[in-house]
Amino acid sequence: MALDALSADSLGGLTSTTAAARPRLPQPTGGTADPARKAAEDFESVFIATMLNSMSSGLEAEAPFGGGNAEQTWRGLENEEVAKQIAATGGVGLADAIYSQLIEIQQGASR
């Protein structure tokens, strides 16, 4: 399954059920992405990856892969990619809170 095809259902419910009900802040329009929004989503992605790495640290390797250093490396990379997808599709709400704070700080600094 391609990572782009991940959905809340295929993630086994890892995304928050309230993410759909939570109002999203306006996304930038046009060709350029808002750097504050990207920074907030990147931070949330790192946070989620850290949680996923902690959750999977005690898992034992099973056939056909059998463990080893390579499996630990790939598991970490997989967790990072899953975390990016979770953050990009609403995440756990951390990006919205950080984005709001960044905008407030920027508006305060411009006065």
Protein backbone atom coordinates (compact mmCIF):
# COMPACT_ATOMS: atom_id res chain seq x y z
CA MET A 1 0.00 0.00 0.00
CA ALA A 2 1.38 3.37 -0.98
CA LEU A 3 1.87 5.86 1.80
CA ASP A 4 -0.19 8.43 -0.10
CA ALA A 5 -3.15 6.07 0.12
CA LEU A 6 -3.16 5.97 3.92
CA SER A 7 -6.40 6.95 5.55
CA ALA A 8 -7.70 7.01 9.09
CA ASP A 9 -9.22 3.56 8.47
CA SER A 10 -5.97 2.03 7.23
CA LEU A 11 -4.10 3.51 10.19
CA GLY A 12 -6.26 1.49 12.53
CA GLY A 13 -7.87 4.54 14.09
CA LEU A 14 -4.59 6.21 15.05
CA THR A 15 -5.97 9.60 14.14
CA SER A 16 -8.19 11.41 16.58
CA THR A 17 -11.90 10.86 16.08
CA THR A 18 -12.46 14.50 16.89
CA ALA A 19 -10.09 15.65 14.14
CA ALA A 20 -12.95 15.77 11.63
CA ALA A 21 -15.12 17.79 14.02
CA ARG A 22 -12.31 20.18 14.97
CA PRO A 23 -12.35 23.35 12.87
CA ARG A 24 -9.22 23.69 10.79
CA LEU A 25 -7.53 27.04 10.48
CA PRO A 26 -7.62 28.49 6.98
CA GLN A 27 -5.06 26.99 4.63
CA PRO A 28 -3.05 29.33 2.45
CA THR A 29 -4.22 29.75 -1.11
CA GLY A 30 -2.06 30.20 -4.16
CA GLY A 31 1.24 28.62 -5.08
CA THR A 32 3.23 29.23 -1.89
CA ALA A 33 2.72 27.38 1.35
CA ASP A 34 2.54 29.24 4.63
CA PRO A 35 5.87 28.68 6.42
CA ALA A 36 4.21 28.94 9.85
CA ARG A 37 1.70 26.20 8.94
CA LYS A 38 4.50 23.98 7.59
CA ALA A 39 6.59 24.50 10.73
CA ALA A 40 3.61 23.63 12.93
CA GLU A 41 2.84 20.46 10.96
CA ASP A 42 6.52 19.46 10.93
CA PHE A 43 6.67 19.85 14.71
CA GLU A 44 3.51 17.77 15.15
CA SER A 45 4.98 15.13 12.83
CA VAL A 46 8.13 14.87 14.94
CA PHE A 47 6.03 14.62 18.12
CA ILE A 48 3.86 11.84 16.64
CA ALA A 49 6.94 9.98 15.31
CA THR A 50 8.45 10.08 18.80
CA MET A 51 5.24 8.59 20.23
CA LEU A 52 5.14 5.88 17.54
CA ASN A 53 8.81 5.02 18.13
CA SER A 54 8.13 4.68 21.86
CA MET A 55 5.09 2.51 21.18
CA SER A 56 6.98 0.18 18.85
CA SER A 57 10.21 -0.03 20.85
CA GLY A 58 9.09 -3.12 22.78
CA LEU A 59 7.71 -5.04 19.82
CA GLU A 60 9.38 -8.31 18.98
CA ALA A 61 10.26 -9.04 15.37
CA GLU A 62 8.33 -11.82 13.70
CA ALA A 63 8.75 -13.78 10.48
CA PRO A 64 9.40 -13.14 7.64
CA PHE A 65 11.72 -10.27 8.58
CA GLY A 66 13.14 -11.68 11.79
CA GLY A 67 14.57 -8.53 13.38
CA GLY A 68 18.09 -7.20 13.44
CA ASN A 69 19.51 -3.73 12.98
CA ALA A 70 17.92 -3.25 9.57
CA GLU A 71 14.43 -3.83 10.95
CA GLN A 72 14.97 -1.27 13.69
CA THR A 73 16.13 1.25 11.08
CA TRP A 74 13.21 0.63 8.75
CA ARG A 75 10.70 0.66 11.60
CA GLY A 76 11.90 4.13 12.57
CA LEU A 77 11.62 5.35 8.99
CA GLU A 78 8.15 3.85 8.68
CA ASN A 79 7.08 5.56 11.90
CA GLU A 80 8.34 8.91 10.56
CA GLU A 81 6.36 8.53 7.32
CA VAL A 82 3.19 7.44 9.13
CA ALA A 83 3.61 10.43 11.48
CA LYS A 84 3.87 12.79 8.49
CA GLN A 85 0.64 11.37 7.07
CA ILE A 86 -1.15 11.66 10.40
CA ALA A 87 -0.02 15.27 10.84
CA ALA A 88 -0.97 16.15 7.25
CA THR A 89 -4.49 14.74 7.65
CA GLY A 90 -5.45 16.53 10.85
CA GLY A 91 -3.10 14.95 13.35
CA VAL A 92 -3.84 15.24 17.04
CA GLY A 93 -4.51 18.98 17.05
CA LEU A 94 -1.03 20.07 18.03
CA ALA A 95 -0.26 21.76 14.69
CA ASP A 96 -3.38 23.93 14.92
CA ALA A 97 -2.46 25.10 18.43
CA ILE A 98 1.15 25.84 17.44
CA TYR A 99 0.05 27.61 14.25
CA SER A 100 -2.33 29.83 16.25
CA GLN A 101 0.45 30.76 18.65
CA LEU A 102 2.90 31.49 15.84
CA ILE A 103 0.38 33.78 14.14
CA GLU A 104 -0.32 35.60 17.43
CA ILE A 105 3.42 36.07 18.00
CA GLN A 106 3.91 37.36 14.44
CA GLN A 107 0.99 39.79 14.75
CA GLY A 108 2.30 41.04 18.09
CA ALA A 109 5.77 41.56 16.66
CA SER A 110 4.45 43.56 13.70
CA ARG A 111 2.70 46.13 15.89
